Amino acid sequence: MAVVRTAKEAVAVAKSFLSDAGHTFFLIIDAMEENGIWIVRALTLVGQMTIRIKADTGEVLELKRTGSLQELHKAA
């Protein structure tokens, strides 16, 4: 894996990982870097997912469901 330097690169890693995990439909809503970890959030058919990516290796550390669609709808 390669170093992830930009949000665009982090989004590309997240998109590939989401596709490999079986998520066909998703929308990336943000990407931010904190302390060497890229945090990318995406809306999927099952809710909001958060993908944590190690910046210096490009390794995906975590894929976690962080909100259901119902919870997101109530917050809007």
Foldseek 3Di string as FASTA:
>chain_A
DAAADDQVSLVVLVVVVCVVVPFPDKAWDDWDDDPQWIWTWIQGQQGIWIWIARRHHRDTPDIGHDGGPVRVVVVD
